[in-house]
């Protein structure tokens, strides 16, 4: 035991341990930062304008009703309305350029989960959970952004509050981690 303690107390070993701990903590901090920070988008989509005129979330994100991801709107979905709207803006000019070039809009997902989490929109939509429950009030947000603190505890608290009779199933690790 004394040999092990003497070995660990060597400066090279202590530095090595410190480097390993720093890498682990840095990786964890980086992971939290990147899952809680909104990425820049190719078009600054004004959510508050679209939701404000009555566009339902599922119009632009229909896959949420049947699949794990909500999906991101294609340029043809956007252009379907905006070819009829004669308003000029730098953002609409960007959209027109994607349409003209026949290129998809390279949207960057905002609400991302770590690879070990498998979130599925479909059961939430089927249960009547409003989009703003998790994504915030889009009538007050210009560009979608991550909501700080969305983590496992946040989800479990919501499951406990919204469906206490199903909490045993909804709190099972295999529900989201498979």
Foldseek 3Di string as FASTA:
>chain_A
DVVVVVVCPDPVNVVVVVVVVCVVVVVVVVVLPVQQWFDDFLAQAFLLVCVVVPDALCLQQVCLQPWAGSDGHWLCSVCVPVVVPPDDDPRVVSSVVCVVVVHTGPGDDANDDPPQWRGGSNVCVVLVPGPCVQQNDSNPDGGGHGDPPPDPVVQLVCCCVVPVVCSVVVVPPVVTGD
